Structures are given as structure tokens and as C-alpha cells.
Amino acid sequence: MFYFVYKTTIVPVNRWYFGIHKSWDKDWSTTDATDPFCGSHSDIVNWIKARGRSQIVIEVLRVCYDIGEANRELQKYQPTPKFTEEHKAKLSIANSGANNGFYGATHTPEVVKQLSEYRKGIKWINNGQVEKQIGKDEPIPDGWFAKRLKRKKT
């Protein structure tokens, strides 16, 4: 199995997207490829549906042999923003107290009633890793349990 870290470019509009694609096709993204995948972003999919694939360029940035290595490589192209402690403090002050647009705001009685009615009609379930809401009368699927996940202490 190969994990391709790739860049897909929609040439006419110069939009590009980075991603990871898992495939057995060692020739993926070349003219010899049997795997037609070129990205799952909705812009790419819609472009192909409307105009075909001819204006899409796929560039393999790195071939990896495990997903962890591929994720680390992808982070080089999609870095997460790092905020300094000073910047975090400025943001905290800027959005606290009276500076926050919701400061002192409360729900109207009508909205409180709507929220209450909604909560009465749902139940939380989890599979040990993911949690979601389902209707109160829906059966709990196999492998899922009633209740929310316990929050991790940070």
C-alpha cells in the first residue's frame, strides 16, 4: 500500500489543494495509472463534473509507506498556525467581558423553550471514540452506547 502526499491544481483558476491518497497503484497520477482519483475537495469534484479532468494537474510530492509518515509530510504543506503566548493573551483580552459581542446576552423565553423541546427529543450515543445525537425513539446501533463520552482533562 502506498500513501501519496499530493497537490492537485485546477489550472485555469490557479486553485490548489493538498491531500493524502491511499492506493495500490504505484503509478497513481501518471498516464499509466488505473486509479482515477485526483482529489475529494468539492471544488475539484464539481470542476470535473462540469468541465472534465483535462485542466487538472496532480503532482505527487512524496510517496510514503505508512499513514503516520504521510500525515507528517502533509503538515509541511498545511502548517497549523502557532500563536505566541503574547498573541494568545491579546486575543483573550480582546474577546472577553464587554468586548465580546455576546457579553450579557441571554436567550429569549421562546428560544429557551425551543432548545428544551429539542433536547427532549434526542439522546447522545458514543462508540468509545465518537459521539453523536440520535432521536430518542431510534434504536442504538450495535457497537454504540447510550451517554456522552467523558471529557478528557487538559
N, C-alpha and C. Protein backbone atom coordinates (compact mmCIF):
# COMPACT_ATOMS: atom_id res chain seq x y z
N MET A 1 0.85 -1.19 0.00
CA MET A 1 0.00 0.00 0.00
C MET A 1 0.88 1.24 0.00
N PHE A 2 0.52 2.21 -0.81
CA PHE A 2 1.26 3.47 -0.90
C PHE A 2 0.37 4.60 -0.41
N TYR A 3 0.97 5.57 0.24
CA TYR A 3 0.28 6.79 0.66
C TYR A 3 0.94 7.95 -0.08
N PHE A 4 0.19 8.53 -1.00
CA PHE A 4 0.72 9.62 -1.82
C PHE A 4 0.35 10.95 -1.21
N VAL A 5 1.31 11.78 -0.90
CA VAL A 5 1.07 13.16 -0.49
C VAL A 5 1.08 13.93 -1.81
N TYR A 6 -0.04 14.59 -2.11
CA TYR A 6 -0.17 15.18 -3.43
C TYR A 6 -0.67 16.62 -3.39
N LYS A 7 -0.49 17.28 -4.52
CA LYS A 7 -1.02 18.62 -4.73
C LYS A 7 -1.83 18.56 -6.02
N THR A 8 -3.11 18.92 -5.94
CA THR A 8 -3.96 18.98 -7.12
C THR A 8 -4.19 20.44 -7.45
N THR A 9 -3.98 20.80 -8.71
CA THR A 9 -4.16 22.18 -9.14
C THR A 9 -5.23 22.23 -10.23
N ILE A 10 -6.19 23.14 -10.06
CA ILE A 10 -7.15 23.44 -11.13
C ILE A 10 -6.51 24.59 -11.89
N VAL A 11 -5.92 24.31 -13.03
CA VAL A 11 -5.05 25.24 -13.74
C VAL A 11 -5.73 26.56 -14.13
N PRO A 12 -6.91 26.57 -14.75
CA PRO A 12 -7.47 27.86 -15.21
C PRO A 12 -7.72 28.87 -14.09
N VAL A 13 -8.03 28.39 -12.89
CA VAL A 13 -8.31 29.32 -11.78
C VAL A 13 -7.18 29.35 -10.76
N ASN A 14 -6.12 28.58 -11.02
CA ASN A 14 -4.95 28.52 -10.15
C ASN A 14 -5.31 28.23 -8.69
N ARG A 15 -6.21 27.28 -8.49
CA ARG A 15 -6.55 26.82 -7.14
C ARG A 15 -5.84 25.51 -6.91
N TRP A 16 -5.28 25.33 -5.72
CA TRP A 16 -4.59 24.09 -5.42
C TRP A 16 -5.00 23.56 -4.07
N TYR A 17 -4.89 22.25 -3.96
CA TYR A 17 -5.31 21.53 -2.76
C TYR A 17 -4.28 20.45 -2.47
N PHE A 18 -3.99 20.25 -1.20
CA PHE A 18 -3.05 19.21 -0.77
C PHE A 18 -3.85 18.09 -0.10
N GLY A 19 -3.34 16.89 -0.20
CA GLY A 19 -4.02 15.77 0.45
C GLY A 19 -3.17 14.53 0.46
N ILE A 20 -3.76 13.46 1.00
CA ILE A 20 -3.13 12.14 1.04
C ILE A 20 -4.07 11.18 0.33
N HIS A 21 -3.51 10.35 -0.54
CA HIS A 21 -4.31 9.34 -1.22
C HIS A 21 -3.68 7.98 -1.00
N LYS A 22 -4.50 7.01 -0.60
CA LYS A 22 -4.04 5.65 -0.35
C LYS A 22 -4.37 4.80 -1.58
N SER A 23 -3.38 4.13 -2.13
CA SER A 23 -3.62 3.34 -3.33
C SER A 23 -2.58 2.23 -3.48
N TRP A 24 -3.00 1.15 -4.14
CA TRP A 24 -2.07 0.09 -4.50
C TRP A 24 -1.39 0.41 -5.83
N ASP A 25 -1.92 1.39 -6.56
CA ASP A 25 -1.42 1.75 -7.89
C ASP A 25 -0.16 2.60 -7.77
N LYS A 26 1.01 1.97 -7.97
CA LYS A 26 2.27 2.71 -7.81
C LYS A 26 2.43 3.80 -8.87
N ASP A 27 1.65 3.72 -9.93
CA ASP A 27 1.71 4.72 -11.00
C ASP A 27 0.65 5.80 -10.83
N TRP A 28 0.04 5.88 -9.66
CA TRP A 28 -1.05 6.85 -9.46
C TRP A 28 -0.58 8.24 -9.86
N SER A 29 -1.44 8.97 -10.52
CA SER A 29 -1.26 10.34 -11.00
C SER A 29 -0.49 10.41 -12.32
N THR A 30 -0.06 9.28 -12.87
CA THR A 30 0.61 9.29 -14.17
C THR A 30 -0.38 8.83 -15.23
N THR A 31 0.03 8.89 -16.49
CA THR A 31 -0.86 8.44 -17.57
C THR A 31 -1.06 6.94 -17.55
N ASP A 32 -0.19 6.20 -16.85
CA ASP A 32 -0.32 4.74 -16.76
C ASP A 32 -1.21 4.30 -15.60
N ALA A 33 -1.74 5.23 -14.85
CA ALA A 33 -2.50 4.90 -13.64
C ALA A 33 -3.83 4.24 -13.97
N THR A 34 -4.21 3.31 -13.09
CA THR A 34 -5.54 2.71 -13.19
C THR A 34 -6.49 3.32 -12.16
N ASP A 35 -5.94 4.07 -11.23
CA ASP A 35 -6.71 4.73 -10.17
C ASP A 35 -7.02 6.16 -10.62
N PRO A 36 -8.30 6.52 -10.85
CA PRO A 36 -8.64 7.84 -11.40
C PRO A 36 -8.73 8.97 -10.39
N PHE A 37 -8.52 8.70 -9.10
CA PHE A 37 -8.69 9.71 -8.06
C PHE A 37 -7.78 10.91 -8.29
N CYS A 38 -8.33 12.12 -8.09
CA CYS A 38 -7.47 13.32 -8.20
C CYS A 38 -7.80 14.34 -7.13
N GLY A 39 -8.53 13.94 -6.11
CA GLY A 39 -8.85 14.83 -5.01
C GLY A 39 -10.32 14.73 -4.66
N SER A 40 -10.65 14.93 -3.38
CA SER A 40 -12.04 14.80 -2.95
C SER A 40 -12.67 16.12 -2.56
N HIS A 41 -11.92 17.22 -2.63
CA HIS A 41 -12.48 18.52 -2.27
C HIS A 41 -13.63 18.83 -3.23
N SER A 42 -14.70 19.43 -2.72
CA SER A 42 -15.89 19.67 -3.55
C SER A 42 -15.58 20.53 -4.77
N ASP A 43 -14.63 21.46 -4.68
CA ASP A 43 -14.27 22.28 -5.84
C ASP A 43 -13.70 21.41 -6.96
N ILE A 44 -12.88 20.44 -6.61
CA ILE A 44 -12.29 19.55 -7.61
C ILE A 44 -13.37 18.67 -8.23
N VAL A 45 -14.20 18.07 -7.38
CA VAL A 45 -15.25 17.18 -7.87
C VAL A 45 -16.21 17.94 -8.79
N ASN A 46 -16.63 19.13 -8.39
CA ASN A 46 -17.55 19.92 -9.21
C ASN A 46 -16.91 20.35 -10.52
N TRP A 47 -15.63 20.70 -10.48
CA TRP A 47 -14.93 21.10 -11.70
C TRP A 47 -14.90 19.95 -12.69
N ILE A 48 -14.59 18.74 -12.20
CA ILE A 48 -14.52 17.57 -13.08
C ILE A 48 -15.89 17.26 -13.67
N LYS A 49 -16.93 17.36 -12.85
CA LYS A 49 -18.29 17.09 -13.35
C LYS A 49 -18.68 18.08 -14.44
N ALA A 50 -18.30 19.34 -14.27
CA ALA A 50 -18.70 20.38 -15.22
C ALA A 50 -17.79 20.46 -16.44
N ARG A 51 -16.49 20.26 -16.27
CA ARG A 51 -15.55 20.56 -17.35
C ARG A 51 -14.60 19.43 -17.71
N GLY A 52 -14.66 18.34 -16.99
CA GLY A 52 -13.75 17.24 -17.27
C GLY A 52 -12.44 17.39 -16.50
N ARG A 53 -11.58 16.42 -16.71
CA ARG A 53 -10.35 16.32 -15.93
C ARG A 53 -9.13 16.92 -16.62
N SER A 54 -9.29 17.36 -17.84
CA SER A 54 -8.13 17.76 -18.64
C SER A 54 -7.39 18.98 -18.07
N GLN A 55 -8.06 19.83 -17.30
CA GLN A 55 -7.42 21.04 -16.78
C GLN A 55 -6.98 20.89 -15.32
N ILE A 56 -6.88 19.63 -14.88
CA ILE A 56 -6.47 19.35 -13.51
C ILE A 56 -5.09 18.70 -13.55
N VAL A 57 -4.18 19.21 -12.73
CA VAL A 57 -2.82 18.66 -12.67
C VAL A 57 -2.59 18.10 -11.27
N ILE A 58 -2.11 16.86 -11.22
CA ILE A 58 -1.79 16.23 -9.95
C ILE A 58 -0.28 16.09 -9.87
N GLU A 59 0.26 16.54 -8.76
CA GLU A 59 1.69 16.46 -8.53
C GLU A 59 1.93 15.66 -7.26
N VAL A 60 2.62 14.53 -7.37
CA VAL A 60 2.95 13.73 -6.20
C VAL A 60 4.15 14.37 -5.52
N LEU A 61 3.97 14.78 -4.28
CA LEU A 61 5.04 15.43 -3.54
C LEU A 61 5.93 14.42 -2.82
N ARG A 62 5.29 13.32 -2.39
CA ARG A 62 6.06 12.30 -1.68
C ARG A 62 5.25 11.01 -1.64
N VAL A 63 5.92 9.89 -1.77
CA VAL A 63 5.29 8.58 -1.61
C VAL A 63 5.73 8.03 -0.27
N CYS A 64 4.77 7.66 0.56
CA CYS A 64 5.07 7.14 1.90
C CYS A 64 4.53 5.72 2.01
N TYR A 65 5.04 4.99 3.00
CA TYR A 65 4.63 3.61 3.18
C TYR A 65 3.78 3.39 4.42
N ASP A 66 3.56 4.45 5.20
CA ASP A 66 2.61 4.36 6.30
C ASP A 66 1.92 5.71 6.48
N ILE A 67 0.74 5.67 7.05
CA ILE A 67 -0.10 6.87 7.15
C ILE A 67 0.51 7.91 8.08
N GLY A 68 1.21 7.48 9.13
CA GLY A 68 1.83 8.44 10.04
C GLY A 68 2.87 9.29 9.33
N GLU A 69 3.68 8.63 8.52
CA GLU A 69 4.70 9.36 7.75
C GLU A 69 4.03 10.32 6.77
N ALA A 70 2.95 9.87 6.14
CA ALA A 70 2.23 10.72 5.18
C ALA A 70 1.62 11.93 5.87
N ASN A 71 1.05 11.74 7.05
CA ASN A 71 0.46 12.87 7.79
C ASN A 71 1.52 13.88 8.19
N ARG A 72 2.68 13.40 8.62
CA ARG A 72 3.77 14.32 8.97
C ARG A 72 4.23 15.11 7.75
N GLU A 73 4.30 14.45 6.62
CA GLU A 73 4.71 15.13 5.39
C GLU A 73 3.66 16.16 4.95
N LEU A 74 2.39 15.81 5.07
CA LEU A 74 1.32 16.74 4.69
C LEU A 74 1.36 18.00 5.54
N GLN A 75 1.72 17.87 6.81
CA GLN A 75 1.78 19.03 7.70
C GLN A 75 2.80 20.06 7.23
N LYS A 76 3.79 19.63 6.47
CA LYS A 76 4.77 20.58 5.93
C LYS A 76 4.12 21.53 4.93
N TYR A 77 3.05 21.06 4.29
CA TYR A 77 2.37 21.87 3.28
C TYR A 77 1.13 22.56 3.85
N GLN A 78 0.63 22.09 4.96
CA GLN A 78 -0.54 22.67 5.61
C GLN A 78 -0.22 22.91 7.08
N PRO A 79 0.66 23.83 7.37
CA PRO A 79 1.03 24.04 8.78
C PRO A 79 -0.13 24.62 9.58
N THR A 80 -0.22 24.20 10.81
CA THR A 80 -1.23 24.78 11.69
C THR A 80 -0.65 26.07 12.27
N PRO A 81 -1.47 27.09 12.40
CA PRO A 81 -0.93 28.36 12.92
C PRO A 81 -0.46 28.20 14.36
N LYS A 82 0.65 28.80 14.66
CA LYS A 82 1.19 28.78 16.01
C LYS A 82 1.11 30.19 16.57
N PHE A 83 0.45 30.34 17.68
CA PHE A 83 0.31 31.64 18.31
C PHE A 83 1.28 31.75 19.49
N THR A 84 1.91 32.87 19.61
CA THR A 84 2.77 33.10 20.76
C THR A 84 1.89 33.32 21.98
N GLU A 85 2.46 33.18 23.16
CA GLU A 85 1.70 33.41 24.38
C GLU A 85 1.21 34.86 24.43
N GLU A 86 2.03 35.77 23.94
CA GLU A 86 1.65 37.19 23.91
C GLU A 86 0.42 37.40 23.02
N HIS A 87 0.42 36.75 21.85
CA HIS A 87 -0.71 36.89 20.94
C HIS A 87 -1.98 36.27 21.54
N LYS A 88 -1.83 35.10 22.19
CA LYS A 88 -2.97 34.46 22.84
C LYS A 88 -3.56 35.37 23.91
N ALA A 89 -2.71 36.03 24.69
CA ALA A 89 -3.17 36.93 25.74
C ALA A 89 -3.93 38.11 25.14
N LYS A 90 -3.42 38.68 24.05
CA LYS A 90 -4.11 39.79 23.38
C LYS A 90 -5.49 39.36 22.88
N LEU A 91 -5.57 38.17 22.28
CA LEU A 91 -6.86 37.66 21.80
C LEU A 91 -7.83 37.44 22.96
N SER A 92 -7.32 36.92 24.07
CA SER A 92 -8.16 36.67 25.23
C SER A 92 -8.75 37.97 25.77
N ILE A 93 -7.92 39.00 25.86
CA ILE A 93 -8.40 40.30 26.34
C ILE A 93 -9.39 40.91 25.35
N ALA A 94 -9.08 40.78 24.06
CA ALA A 94 -9.92 41.38 23.02
C ALA A 94 -11.31 40.75 22.97
N ASN A 95 -11.43 39.50 23.40
CA ASN A 95 -12.71 38.80 23.30
C ASN A 95 -13.37 38.51 24.63
N SER A 96 -12.94 39.15 25.70
CA SER A 96 -13.53 38.86 27.00
C SER A 96 -14.36 40.03 27.50
N GLY A 97 -15.24 39.70 28.41
CA GLY A 97 -16.06 40.74 29.04
C GLY A 97 -16.88 41.55 28.05
N ALA A 98 -16.94 42.84 28.25
CA ALA A 98 -17.75 43.72 27.41
C ALA A 98 -17.26 43.76 25.97
N ASN A 99 -16.04 43.34 25.70
CA ASN A 99 -15.53 43.30 24.33
C ASN A 99 -16.15 42.17 23.50
N ASN A 100 -16.71 41.19 24.18
CA ASN A 100 -17.34 40.07 23.50
C ASN A 100 -18.75 40.48 23.09
N GLY A 101 -19.10 40.21 21.84
CA GLY A 101 -20.42 40.60 21.32
C GLY A 101 -21.58 39.93 22.04
N PHE A 102 -21.33 38.81 22.71
CA PHE A 102 -22.41 38.12 23.43
C PHE A 102 -22.42 38.43 24.92
N TYR A 103 -21.56 39.32 25.36
CA TYR A 103 -21.47 39.64 26.78
C TYR A 103 -22.81 40.17 27.28
N GLY A 104 -23.36 39.56 28.32
CA GLY A 104 -24.61 39.99 28.92
C GLY A 104 -25.85 39.55 28.16
N ALA A 105 -25.70 38.87 27.04
CA ALA A 105 -26.84 38.43 26.24
C ALA A 105 -27.48 37.19 26.85
N THR A 106 -28.77 37.06 26.70
CA THR A 106 -29.49 35.87 27.15
C THR A 106 -30.46 35.45 26.07
N HIS A 107 -30.85 34.18 26.11
CA HIS A 107 -31.84 33.69 25.17
C HIS A 107 -33.22 34.22 25.56
N THR A 108 -34.04 34.42 24.55
CA THR A 108 -35.42 34.80 24.83
C THR A 108 -36.15 33.58 25.37
N PRO A 109 -37.26 33.78 26.11
CA PRO A 109 -38.01 32.63 26.61
C PRO A 109 -38.45 31.67 25.50
N GLU A 110 -38.76 32.22 24.32
CA GLU A 110 -39.17 31.38 23.19
C GLU A 110 -38.04 30.46 22.75
N VAL A 111 -36.83 30.98 22.67
CA VAL A 111 -35.67 30.18 22.28
C VAL A 111 -35.35 29.14 23.34
N VAL A 112 -35.45 29.51 24.61
CA VAL A 112 -35.22 28.57 25.71
C VAL A 112 -36.19 27.40 25.59
N LYS A 113 -37.44 27.68 25.27
CA LYS A 113 -38.46 26.63 25.11
C LYS A 113 -38.11 25.74 23.91
N GLN A 114 -37.69 26.34 22.79
CA GLN A 114 -37.33 25.56 21.61
C GLN A 114 -36.14 24.64 21.90
N LEU A 115 -35.14 25.14 22.58
CA LEU A 115 -33.98 24.33 22.94
C LEU A 115 -34.38 23.18 23.85
N SER A 116 -35.24 23.46 24.80
CA SER A 116 -35.71 22.43 25.73
C SER A 116 -36.45 21.33 24.98
N GLU A 117 -37.33 21.71 24.07
CA GLU A 117 -38.09 20.72 23.30
C GLU A 117 -37.14 19.87 22.43
N TYR A 118 -36.15 20.52 21.85
CA TYR A 118 -35.20 19.78 21.02
C TYR A 118 -34.46 18.75 21.87
N ARG A 119 -33.98 19.17 23.03
CA ARG A 119 -33.21 18.25 23.89
C ARG A 119 -34.05 17.08 24.38
N LYS A 120 -35.36 17.29 24.55
CA LYS A 120 -36.23 16.20 24.98
C LYS A 120 -36.36 15.13 23.90
N GLY A 121 -36.13 15.50 22.64
CA GLY A 121 -36.33 14.56 21.53
C GLY A 121 -35.07 13.83 21.09
N ILE A 122 -33.94 14.07 21.74
CA ILE A 122 -32.70 13.43 21.31
C ILE A 122 -32.04 12.69 22.47
N LYS A 123 -31.13 11.80 22.09
CA LYS A 123 -30.26 11.18 23.10
C LYS A 123 -28.86 11.09 22.50
N TRP A 124 -27.87 11.15 23.38
CA TRP A 124 -26.47 11.06 22.97
C TRP A 124 -26.03 9.61 23.02
N ILE A 125 -25.26 9.21 22.00
CA ILE A 125 -24.66 7.88 22.00
C ILE A 125 -23.19 8.03 21.63
N ASN A 126 -22.39 7.00 21.95
CA ASN A 126 -20.97 7.02 21.59
C ASN A 126 -20.50 5.61 21.33
N ASN A 127 -19.39 5.49 20.60
CA ASN A 127 -18.79 4.19 20.33
C ASN A 127 -17.44 4.04 21.02
N GLY A 128 -17.18 4.91 22.00
CA GLY A 128 -15.92 4.90 22.70
C GLY A 128 -14.93 5.92 22.17
N GLN A 129 -15.15 6.39 20.94
CA GLN A 129 -14.27 7.39 20.35
C GLN A 129 -15.04 8.59 19.82
N VAL A 130 -16.20 8.35 19.26
CA VAL A 130 -17.01 9.40 18.64
C VAL A 130 -18.37 9.43 19.33
N GLU A 131 -18.93 10.62 19.45
CA GLU A 131 -20.28 10.72 20.00
C GLU A 131 -21.17 11.43 18.99
N LYS A 132 -22.47 11.13 19.05
CA LYS A 132 -23.41 11.79 18.17
C LYS A 132 -24.80 11.75 18.79
N GLN A 133 -25.71 12.52 18.20
CA GLN A 133 -27.08 12.56 18.68
C GLN A 133 -27.96 11.74 17.75
N ILE A 134 -28.93 11.05 18.34
CA ILE A 134 -29.95 10.37 17.55
C ILE A 134 -31.30 10.67 18.18
N GLY A 135 -32.37 10.37 17.47
CA GLY A 135 -33.71 10.57 18.00
C GLY A 135 -33.95 9.70 19.22
N LYS A 136 -34.73 10.21 20.15
CA LYS A 136 -35.00 9.50 21.41
C LYS A 136 -35.56 8.10 21.17
N ASP A 137 -36.38 7.94 20.10
CA ASP A 137 -37.03 6.66 19.84
C ASP A 137 -36.23 5.75 18.91
N GLU A 138 -35.11 6.24 18.37
CA GLU A 138 -34.30 5.41 17.49
C GLU A 138 -33.54 4.36 18.29
N PRO A 139 -33.39 3.16 17.73
CA PRO A 139 -32.60 2.14 18.45
C PRO A 139 -31.11 2.49 18.41
N ILE A 140 -30.40 2.08 19.44
CA ILE A 140 -28.95 2.32 19.50
C ILE A 140 -28.27 1.27 18.62
N PRO A 141 -27.47 1.69 17.64
CA PRO A 141 -26.80 0.73 16.75
C PRO A 141 -25.81 -0.16 17.51
N ASP A 142 -25.51 -1.33 16.93
CA ASP A 142 -24.52 -2.23 17.52
C ASP A 142 -23.18 -1.52 17.64
N GLY A 143 -22.50 -1.73 18.76
CA GLY A 143 -21.20 -1.12 18.99
C GLY A 143 -21.28 0.29 19.57
N TRP A 144 -22.48 0.81 19.74
CA TRP A 144 -22.68 2.15 20.31
C TRP A 144 -23.32 2.01 21.68
N PHE A 145 -23.11 3.03 22.51
CA PHE A 145 -23.62 3.02 23.87
C PHE A 145 -24.35 4.32 24.16
N ALA A 146 -25.30 4.27 25.06
CA ALA A 146 -26.00 5.48 25.48
C ALA A 146 -25.04 6.33 26.31
N LYS A 147 -25.24 7.61 26.32
CA LYS A 147 -24.48 8.60 27.09
C LYS A 147 -23.40 9.25 26.23
N ARG A 148 -22.88 10.36 26.74
CA ARG A 148 -21.80 11.09 26.09
C ARG A 148 -20.45 10.54 26.55
N LEU A 149 -19.42 10.87 25.83
CA LEU A 149 -18.08 10.48 26.23
C LEU A 149 -17.63 11.31 27.42
N LYS A 150 -16.79 10.75 28.24
CA LYS A 150 -16.22 11.52 29.33
C LYS A 150 -15.20 12.48 28.75
N ARG A 151 -15.22 13.72 29.20
CA ARG A 151 -14.28 14.71 28.69
C ARG A 151 -12.89 14.46 29.26
N LYS A 152 -11.90 14.64 28.40
CA LYS A 152 -10.52 14.46 28.84
C LYS A 152 -10.08 15.71 29.57
N LYS A 153 -9.40 15.52 30.69
CA LYS A 153 -8.89 16.66 31.44
C LYS A 153 -7.62 17.15 30.78
N THR A 154 -7.53 18.45 30.57
CA THR A 154 -6.34 19.00 29.91
C THR A 154 -5.37 19.57 30.92
